[in-house]
PDB file of N, CA and C in Angstrom:
ATOM      1  N   MET A   1      24.076  26.601 112.069  1.00  0.00           N
ATOM      2  CA  MET A   1      22.682  26.181 112.121  1.00  0.00           C
ATOM      3  C   MET A   1      22.460  25.493 110.928  1.00  0.00           C
ATOM      4  N   LYS A   2      22.131  24.323 110.673  1.00  0.00           N
ATOM      5  CA  LYS A   2      21.480  23.769 109.369  1.00  0.00           C
ATOM      6  C   LYS A   2      20.260  24.594 108.575  1.00  0.00           C
ATOM      7  N   ASN A   3      20.719  24.498 107.476  1.00  0.00           N
ATOM      8  CA  ASN A   3      19.481  25.111 106.788  1.00  0.00           C
ATOM      9  C   ASN A   3      18.918  26.549 107.335  1.00  0.00           C
ATOM     10  N   ARG A   4      19.867  27.452 107.873  1.00  0.00           N
ATOM     11  CA  ARG A   4      20.019  28.516 108.175  1.00  0.00           C
ATOM     12  C   ARG A   4      19.156  29.300 107.448  1.00  0.00           C
ATOM     13  N   ASN A   5      19.122  29.703 106.317  1.00  0.00           N
ATOM     14  CA  ASN A   5      18.241  30.761 105.225  1.00  0.00           C
ATOM     15  C   ASN A   5      16.986  30.114 105.388  1.00  0.00           C
ATOM     16  N   ALA A   6      16.611  28.709 104.939  1.00  0.00           N
ATOM     17  CA  ALA A   6      15.530  28.064 105.067  1.00  0.00           C
ATOM     18  C   ALA A   6      14.380  28.459 106.149  1.00  0.00           C
ATOM     19  N   LYS A   7      14.993  28.312 107.431  1.00  0.00           N
ATOM     20  CA  LYS A   7      14.952  28.347 108.720  1.00  0.00           C
ATOM     21  C   LYS A   7      14.230  30.272 109.075  1.00  0.00           C
ATOM     22  N   ARG A   8      15.622  30.949 108.138  1.00  0.00           N
ATOM     23  CA  ARG A   8      15.073  32.203 108.244  1.00  0.00           C
ATOM     24  C   ARG A   8      13.834  32.605 107.756  1.00  0.00           C
ATOM     25  N   ARG A   9      13.607  32.077 106.601  1.00  0.00           N
ATOM     26  CA  ARG A   9      12.556  32.350 105.618  1.00  0.00           C
ATOM     27  C   ARG A   9      11.290  31.862 106.139  1.00  0.00           C
ATOM     28  N   GLU A  10      11.437  30.715 106.869  1.00  0.00           N
ATOM     29  CA  GLU A  10      10.047  29.971 107.509  1.00  0.00           C
ATOM     30  C   GLU A  10       9.918  30.839 108.621  1.00  0.00           C
ATOM     31  N   LEU A  11      10.659  31.342 109.672  1.00  0.00           N
ATOM     32  CA  LEU A  11      10.489  31.743 110.691  1.00  0.00           C
ATOM     33  C   LEU A  11       9.586  33.247 110.151  1.00  0.00           C
ATOM     34  N   GLN A  12      10.293  34.063 109.156  1.00  0.00           N
ATOM     35  CA  GLN A  12       9.612  35.397 109.120  1.00  0.00           C
ATOM     36  C   GLN A  12       8.278  35.324 108.625  1.00  0.00           C
ATOM     37  N   ARG A  13       7.980  34.248 107.769  1.00  0.00           N
ATOM     38  CA  ARG A  13       6.721  34.077 107.195  1.00  0.00           C
ATOM     39  C   ARG A  13       5.849  33.726 108.295  1.00  0.00           C
ATOM     40  N   LEU A  14       6.214  32.796 109.255  1.00  0.00           N
ATOM     41  CA  LEU A  14       5.293  32.452 110.332  1.00  0.00           C
ATOM     42  C   LEU A  14       5.114  33.660 111.256  1.00  0.00           C
ATOM     43  N   LEU A  15       6.049  34.402 111.110  1.00  0.00           N
ATOM     44  CA  LEU A  15       5.670  35.437 112.273  1.00  0.00           C
ATOM     45  C   LEU A  15       4.914  36.764 111.663  1.00  0.00           C
ATOM     46  N   LEU A  16       5.256  36.703 110.555  1.00  0.00           N
ATOM     47  CA  LEU A  16       4.653  37.762 109.740  1.00  0.00           C
ATOM     48  C   LEU A  16       2.771  37.199 109.941  1.00  0.00           C
ATOM     49  N   THR A  17       2.710  36.213 109.386  1.00  0.00           N
ATOM     50  CA  THR A  17       1.215  35.340 109.757  1.00  0.00           C
ATOM     51  C   THR A  17       0.556  35.741 111.222  1.00  0.00           C
ATOM     52  N   LYS A  18       1.241  35.538 111.519  1.00  0.00           N
ATOM     53  CA  LYS A  18       0.878  35.154 113.204  1.00  0.00           C
ATOM     54  C   LYS A  18       0.783  36.873 114.043  1.00  0.00           C
ATOM     55  N   THR A  19       1.607  37.807 113.783  1.00  0.00           N
ATOM     56  CA  THR A  19       1.815  39.196 114.496  1.00  0.00           C
ATOM     57  C   THR A  19       1.116  40.132 113.494  1.00  0.00           C
ATOM     58  N   LYS A  20       0.860  40.189 112.276  1.00  0.00           N
ATOM     59  CA  LYS A  20       0.395  40.507 111.109  1.00  0.00           C
ATOM     60  C   LYS A  20       1.471  42.249 111.016  1.00  0.00           C
ATOM     61  N   CYS A  21       2.494  42.129 111.871  1.00  0.00           N
ATOM     62  CA  CYS A  21       3.346  43.016 111.706  1.00  0.00           C
ATOM     63  C   CYS A  21       4.723  43.001 110.994  1.00  0.00           C
ATOM     64  N   GLY A  22       4.873  43.868 110.328  1.00  0.00           N
ATOM     65  CA  GLY A  22       6.406  43.334 109.454  1.00  0.00           C
ATOM     66  C   GLY A  22       7.085  44.538 108.880  1.00  0.00           C
ATOM     67  N   ILE A  23       7.081  45.384 110.090  1.00  0.00           N
ATOM     68  CA  ILE A  23       7.711  46.807 110.054  1.00  0.00           C
ATOM     69  C   ILE A  23       9.202  46.848 110.076  1.00  0.00           C
ATOM     70  N   GLN A  24       9.581  46.133 110.637  1.00  0.00           N
ATOM     71  CA  GLN A  24      11.137  45.912 110.966  1.00  0.00           C
ATOM     72  C   GLN A  24      12.106  45.136 109.926  1.00  0.00           C
ATOM     73  N   HIS A  25      13.048  45.502 109.364  1.00  0.00           N
ATOM     74  CA  HIS A  25      13.848  44.983 108.773  1.00  0.00           C
ATOM     75  C   HIS A  25      13.099  44.392 107.572  1.00  0.00           C
ATOM     76  N   THR A  26      12.250  45.137 106.462  1.00  0.00           N
ATOM     77  CA  THR A  26      11.807  44.272 105.528  1.00  0.00           C
ATOM     78  C   THR A  26      11.009  42.924 105.816  1.00  0.00           C
ATOM     79  N   GLY A  27      10.135  43.162 106.626  1.00  0.00           N
ATOM     80  CA  GLY A  27       9.084  42.100 106.999  1.00  0.00           C
ATOM     81  C   GLY A  27       9.031  41.272 108.205  1.00  0.00           C
ATOM     82  N   TRP A  28       9.917  42.114 109.649  1.00  0.00           N
ATOM     83  CA  TRP A  28      10.115  41.016 110.647  1.00  0.00           C
ATOM     84  C   TRP A  28       8.927  42.080 111.600  1.00  0.00           C
ATOM     85  N   PRO A  29       8.405  41.568 112.526  1.00  0.00           N
ATOM     86  CA  PRO A  29       7.769  42.146 113.379  1.00  0.00           C
ATOM     87  C   PRO A  29       8.646  42.887 114.267  1.00  0.00           C
ATOM     88  N   CYS A  30       7.803  43.772 115.207  1.00  0.00           N
ATOM     89  CA  CYS A  30       8.681  44.834 116.194  1.00  0.00           C
ATOM     90  C   CYS A  30       8.365  44.176 117.454  1.00  0.00           C
ATOM     91  N   ASN A  31       9.195  44.374 118.707  1.00  0.00           N
ATOM     92  CA  ASN A  31       9.703  43.798 119.744  1.00  0.00           C
ATOM     93  C   ASN A  31       7.933  44.087 120.439  1.00  0.00           C
ATOM     94  N   THR A  32       7.203  44.880 120.108  1.00  0.00           N
ATOM     95  CA  THR A  32       5.810  44.952 121.035  1.00  0.00           C
ATOM     96  C   THR A  32       5.101  43.566 120.291  1.00  0.00           C
ATOM     97  N   CYS A  33       5.035  43.594 119.047  1.00  0.00           N
ATOM     98  CA  CYS A  33       4.307  42.525 118.377  1.00  0.00           C
ATOM     99  C   CYS A  33       4.552  41.208 118.721  1.00  0.00           C
ATOM    100  N   PHE A  34       5.849  41.061 118.584  1.00  0.00           N
ATOM    101  CA  PHE A  34       6.443  39.715 119.008  1.00  0.00           C
ATOM    102  C   PHE A  34       6.335  39.301 120.305  1.00  0.00           C
ATOM    103  N   HIS A  35       6.446  40.362 121.387  1.00  0.00           N
ATOM    104  CA  HIS A  35       5.987  39.952 122.603  1.00  0.00           C
ATOM    105  C   HIS A  35       4.472  40.067 123.000  1.00  0.00           C
ATOM    106  N   SER A  36       3.599  40.430 122.248  1.00  0.00           N
ATOM    107  CA  SER A  36       2.227  40.321 122.543  1.00  0.00           C
ATOM    108  C   SER A  36       1.327  38.747 122.205  1.00  0.00           C
ATOM    109  N   MET A  37       2.612  38.128 121.519  1.00  0.00           N
ATOM    110  CA  MET A  37       1.891  36.611 121.096  1.00  0.00           C
ATOM    111  C   MET A  37       1.779  35.742 122.100  1.00  0.00           C
ATOM    112  N   ASN A  38       0.413  35.211 121.876  1.00  0.00           N
ATOM    113  CA  ASN A  38       0.054  33.893 123.072  1.00  0.00           C
ATOM    114  C   ASN A  38       0.614  32.716 122.718  1.00  0.00           C
ATOM    115  N   LEU A  39       2.088  32.404 123.007  1.00  0.00           N
ATOM    116  CA  LEU A  39       2.267  31.147 122.392  1.00  0.00           C
ATOM    117  C   LEU A  39       2.503  29.820 123.499  1.00  0.00           C
ATOM    118  N   SER A  40       1.851  30.329 124.503  1.00  0.00           N
ATOM    119  CA  SER A  40       1.888  29.317 125.838  1.00  0.00           C
ATOM    120  C   SER A  40       3.153  28.874 126.411  1.00  0.00           C
ATOM    121  N   VAL A  41       4.287  29.854 126.438  1.00  0.00           N
ATOM    122  CA  VAL A  41       5.319  30.023 127.170  1.00  0.00           C
ATOM    123  C   VAL A  41       5.395  31.098 127.734  1.00  0.00           C
ATOM    124  N   SER A  42       6.370  30.958 129.011  1.00  0.00           N
ATOM    125  CA  SER A  42       6.714  32.046 130.299  1.00  0.00           C
ATOM    126  C   SER A  42       7.119  33.454 129.219  1.00  0.00           C
ATOM    127  N   ARG A  43       6.799  34.267 129.955  1.00  0.00           N
ATOM    128  CA  ARG A  43       7.080  35.973 129.540  1.00  0.00           C
ATOM    129  C   ARG A  43       8.773  36.005 129.184  1.00  0.00           C
ATOM    130  N   ASP A  44       9.544  35.396 130.143  1.00  0.00           N
ATOM    131  CA  ASP A  44      10.944  34.812 130.105  1.00  0.00           C
ATOM    132  C   ASP A  44      11.436  34.133 128.880  1.00  0.00           C
ATOM    133  N   ARG A  45      10.977  33.087 128.621  1.00  0.00           N
ATOM    134  CA  ARG A  45      10.739  32.199 127.202  1.00  0.00           C
ATOM    135  C   ARG A  45      10.832  32.885 126.161  1.00  0.00           C
ATOM    136  N   LEU A  46       9.555  33.719 126.265  1.00  0.00           N
ATOM    137  CA  LEU A  46       9.127  34.478 124.842  1.00  0.00           C
ATOM    138  C   LEU A  46      10.252  35.286 124.388  1.00  0.00           C
ATOM    139  N   HIS A  47      10.899  36.117 125.819  1.00  0.00           N
ATOM    140  CA  HIS A  47      11.874  37.182 125.293  1.00  0.00           C
ATOM    141  C   HIS A  47      13.052  36.141 125.235  1.00  0.00           C
ATOM    142  N   GLU A  48      13.550  35.178 125.423  1.00  0.00           N
ATOM    143  CA  GLU A  48      14.371  34.263 124.788  1.00  0.00           C
ATOM    144  C   GLU A  48      14.402  34.042 123.710  1.00  0.00           C
ATOM    145  N   LEU A  49      12.999  33.689 123.042  1.00  0.00           N
ATOM    146  CA  LEU A  49      13.034  33.238 121.673  1.00  0.00           C
ATOM    147  C   LEU A  49      12.914  34.564 120.711  1.00  0.00           C
ATOM    148  N   TRP A  50      12.574  35.920 121.533  1.00  0.00           N
ATOM    149  CA  TRP A  50      12.911  37.011 120.728  1.00  0.00           C
ATOM    150  C   TRP A  50      14.247  37.469 120.533  1.00  0.00           C
ATOM    151  N   GLU A  51      15.249  37.054 121.488  1.00  0.00           N
ATOM    152  CA  GLU A  51      16.684  37.273 121.198  1.00  0.00           C
ATOM    153  C   GLU A  51      17.093  36.476 120.116  1.00  0.00           C
ATOM    154  N   SER A  52      16.668  35.283 120.183  1.00  0.00           N
ATOM    155  CA  SER A  52      17.249  34.110 119.097  1.00  0.00           C
ATOM    156  C   SER A  52      16.694  34.822 117.782  1.00  0.00           C
ATOM    157  N   THR A  53      15.500  34.962 117.626  1.00  0.00           N
ATOM    158  CA  THR A  53      15.290  36.108 116.305  1.00  0.00           C
ATOM    159  C   THR A  53      15.870  37.093 116.061  1.00  0.00           C
ATOM    160  N   LEU A  54      16.325  37.878 116.926  1.00  0.00           N
ATOM    161  CA  LEU A  54      17.334  38.798 116.907  1.00  0.00           C
ATOM    162  C   LEU A  54      18.577  38.285 116.000  1.00  0.00           C
ATOM    163  N   LEU A  55      19.408  37.726 116.827  1.00  0.00           N
ATOM    164  CA  LEU A  55      20.259  37.112 116.283  1.00  0.00           C
ATOM    165  C   LEU A  55      19.905  36.100 114.578  1.00  0.00           C
ATOM    166  N   LEU A  56      18.966  35.542 114.434  1.00  0.00           N
ATOM    167  CA  LEU A  56      18.595  34.826 113.150  1.00  0.00           C
ATOM    168  C   LEU A  56      18.712  36.127 112.267  1.00  0.00           C
ATOM    169  N   ARG A  57      17.846  36.915 112.218  1.00  0.00           N
ATOM    170  CA  ARG A  57      17.463  37.738 111.430  1.00  0.00           C
ATOM    171  C   ARG A  57      18.803  38.955 111.197  1.00  0.00           C
ATOM    172  N   GLY A  58      19.791  38.938 112.137  1.00  0.00           N
ATOM    173  CA  GLY A  58      21.272  39.683 111.781  1.00  0.00           C
ATOM    174  C   GLY A  58      21.037  40.882 112.652  1.00  0.00           C
ATOM    175  N   ASP A  59      20.460  41.171 113.638  1.00  0.00           N
ATOM    176  CA  ASP A  59      20.549  42.213 114.460  1.00  0.00           C
ATOM    177  C   ASP A  59      22.029  42.356 115.029  1.00  0.00           C
ATOM    178  N   TYR A  60      22.158  41.340 115.507  1.00  0.00           N
ATOM    179  CA  TYR A  60      23.381  41.332 116.831  1.00  0.00           C
ATOM    180  C   TYR A  60      24.357  39.815 115.941  1.00  0.00           C
ATOM    181  N   LYS A  61      25.110  40.148 116.703  1.00  0.00           N
ATOM    182  CA  LYS A  61      25.992  38.801 116.943  1.00  0.00           C
ATOM    183  C   LYS A  61      26.316  38.328 118.263  1.00  0.00           C
ATOM    184  N   ASN A  62      26.116  36.596 118.369  1.00  0.00           N
ATOM    185  CA  ASN A  62      26.058  36.145 119.686  1.00  0.00           C
ATOM    186  C   ASN A  62      26.892  36.615 120.842  1.00  0.00           C
ATOM    187  N   GLU A  63      28.149  37.270 120.364  1.00  0.00           N
ATOM    188  CA  GLU A  63      29.057  37.649 121.540  1.00  0.00           C
ATOM    189  C   GLU A  63      28.778  39.231 121.978  1.00  0.00           C
ATOM    190  N   GLU A  64      28.039  39.664 121.017  1.00  0.00           N
ATOM    191  CA  GLU A  64      27.832  41.300 121.126  1.00  0.00           C
ATOM    192  C   GLU A  64      26.990  41.613 122.592  1.00  0.00           C
ATOM    193  N   HIS A  65      25.777  41.308 122.436  1.00  0.00           N
ATOM    194  CA  HIS A  65      24.666  41.748 123.180  1.00  0.00           C
ATOM    195  C   HIS A  65      23.793  40.394 123.755  1.00  0.00           C
ATOM    196  N   ILE A  66      24.021  39.462 122.749  1.00  0.00           N
ATOM    197  CA  ILE A  66      22.851  38.196 123.366  1.00  0.00           C
ATOM    198  C   ILE A  66      23.949  37.090 123.608  1.00  0.00           C
ATOM    199  N   SER A  67      23.470  36.478 124.585  1.00  0.00           N
ATOM    200  CA  SER A  67      24.589  35.395 124.880  1.00  0.00           C
ATOM    201  C   SER A  67      23.942  34.115 124.759  1.00  0.00           C
ATOM    202  N   GLN A  68      24.035  33.505 123.426  1.00  0.00           N
ATOM    203  CA  GLN A  68      23.225  32.261 122.919  1.00  0.00           C
ATOM    204  C   GLN A  68      24.126  31.519 122.163  1.00  0.00           C
ATOM    205  N   ASP A  69      24.451  30.028 122.472  1.00  0.00           N
ATOM    206  CA  ASP A  69      25.334  29.760 121.424  1.00  0.00           C
ATOM    207  C   ASP A  69      24.744  28.992 120.289  1.00  0.00           C
ATOM    208  N   ASP A  70      25.395  28.302 119.387  1.00  0.00           N
ATOM    209  CA  ASP A  70      24.845  28.374 118.110  1.00  0.00           C
ATOM    210  C   ASP A  70      23.906  26.907 118.119  1.00  0.00           C
ATOM    211  N   LEU A  71      24.142  26.090 119.168  1.00  0.00           N
ATOM    212  CA  LEU A  71      23.150  24.742 119.505  1.00  0.00           C
ATOM    213  C   LEU A  71      21.755  25.306 120.321  1.00  0.00           C
ATOM    214  N   THR A  72      22.027  26.074 121.365  1.00  0.00           N
ATOM    215  CA  THR A  72      20.824  26.848 121.903  1.00  0.00           C
ATOM    216  C   THR A  72      19.884  27.915 120.746  1.00  0.00           C
ATOM    217  N   LEU A  73      21.004  28.678 120.169  1.00  0.00           N
ATOM    218  CA  LEU A  73      19.842  29.207 118.982  1.00  0.00           C
ATOM    219  C   LEU A  73      19.229  28.416 117.595  1.00  0.00           C
ATOM    220  N   SER A  74      20.019  27.460 117.542  1.00  0.00           N
ATOM    221  CA  SER A  74      19.296  26.469 116.839  1.00  0.00           C
ATOM    222  C   SER A  74      17.716  25.611 117.205  1.00  0.00           C
ATOM    223  N   LYS A  75      18.096  25.335 118.607  1.00  0.00           N
ATOM    224  CA  LYS A  75      16.867  24.638 119.248  1.00  0.00           C
ATOM    225  C   LYS A  75      15.936  25.832 119.680  1.00  0.00           C
ATOM    226  N   ASN A  76      16.344  27.000 120.067  1.00  0.00           N
ATOM    227  CA  ASN A  76      15.202  28.171 120.247  1.00  0.00           C
ATOM    228  C   ASN A  76      14.686  28.372 118.839  1.00  0.00           C
ATOM    229  N   ILE A  77      14.895  28.379 117.772  1.00  0.00           N
ATOM    230  CA  ILE A  77      14.350  28.902 116.525  1.00  0.00           C
ATOM    231  C   ILE A  77      13.719  27.656 116.266  1.00  0.00           C
ATOM    232  N   ASP A  78      13.962  26.272 116.076  1.00  0.00           N
ATOM    233  CA  ASP A  78      12.988  25.262 115.871  1.00  0.00           C
ATOM    234  C   ASP A  78      11.904  25.393 116.764  1.00  0.00           C
ATOM    235  N   GLN A  79      11.969  25.493 117.800  1.00  0.00           N
ATOM    236  CA  GLN A  79      10.945  25.414 118.979  1.00  0.00           C
ATOM    237  C   GLN A  79       9.700  26.473 118.683  1.00  0.00           C
ATOM    238  N   LEU A  80      10.641  27.838 118.204  1.00  0.00           N
ATOM    239  CA  LEU A  80       9.683  28.961 117.931  1.00  0.00           C
ATOM    240  C   LEU A  80       8.735  28.728 116.562  1.00  0.00           C
ATOM    241  N   ILE A  81       9.118  28.015 115.831  1.00  0.00           N
ATOM    242  CA  ILE A  81       8.800  27.499 114.275  1.00  0.00           C
ATOM    243  C   ILE A  81       7.708  26.832 114.643  1.00  0.00           C
ATOM    244  N   GLU A  82       7.811  25.758 115.557  1.00  0.00           N
ATOM    245  CA  GLU A  82       6.679  24.750 115.828  1.00  0.00           C
ATOM    246  C   GLU A  82       5.758  25.261 116.737  1.00  0.00           C
ATOM    247  N   LEU A  83       5.917  26.337 117.408  1.00  0.00           N
ATOM    248  CA  LEU A  83       4.917  27.164 118.359  1.00  0.00           C
ATOM    249  C   LEU A  83       4.376  27.922 117.480  1.00  0.00           C
ATOM    250  N   LEU A  84       4.401  28.297 116.537  1.00  0.00           N
ATOM    251  CA  LEU A  84       3.764  29.203 115.562  1.00  0.00           C
ATOM    252  C   LEU A  84       3.320  28.573 114.260  1.00  0.00           C
ATOM    253  N   LYS A  85       3.443  27.064 114.092  1.00  0.00           N
ATOM    254  CA  LYS A  85       2.728  26.057 113.103  1.00  0.00           C
ATOM    255  C   LYS A  85       1.276  26.165 113.776  1.00  0.00           C
TER     256      LYS A  85
END
């Protein structure tokens, strides 16, 4: 993913602003607060964006528990950033 660290910082800032929750991993929202956001996407899509967030913040590796290739991860993070702006 291009500019991974910059995207990670921007996403973290936007999520903290939107959810007001930074309880996990020094400034990231919890599952409940993330899933309570109204971003005009389906619940399934919101969960997929959550999984991308977990991958980006380093909770899991792609092949361990979440099946997303690098292109999907990058597109999901870009979409989530746009939805949060």
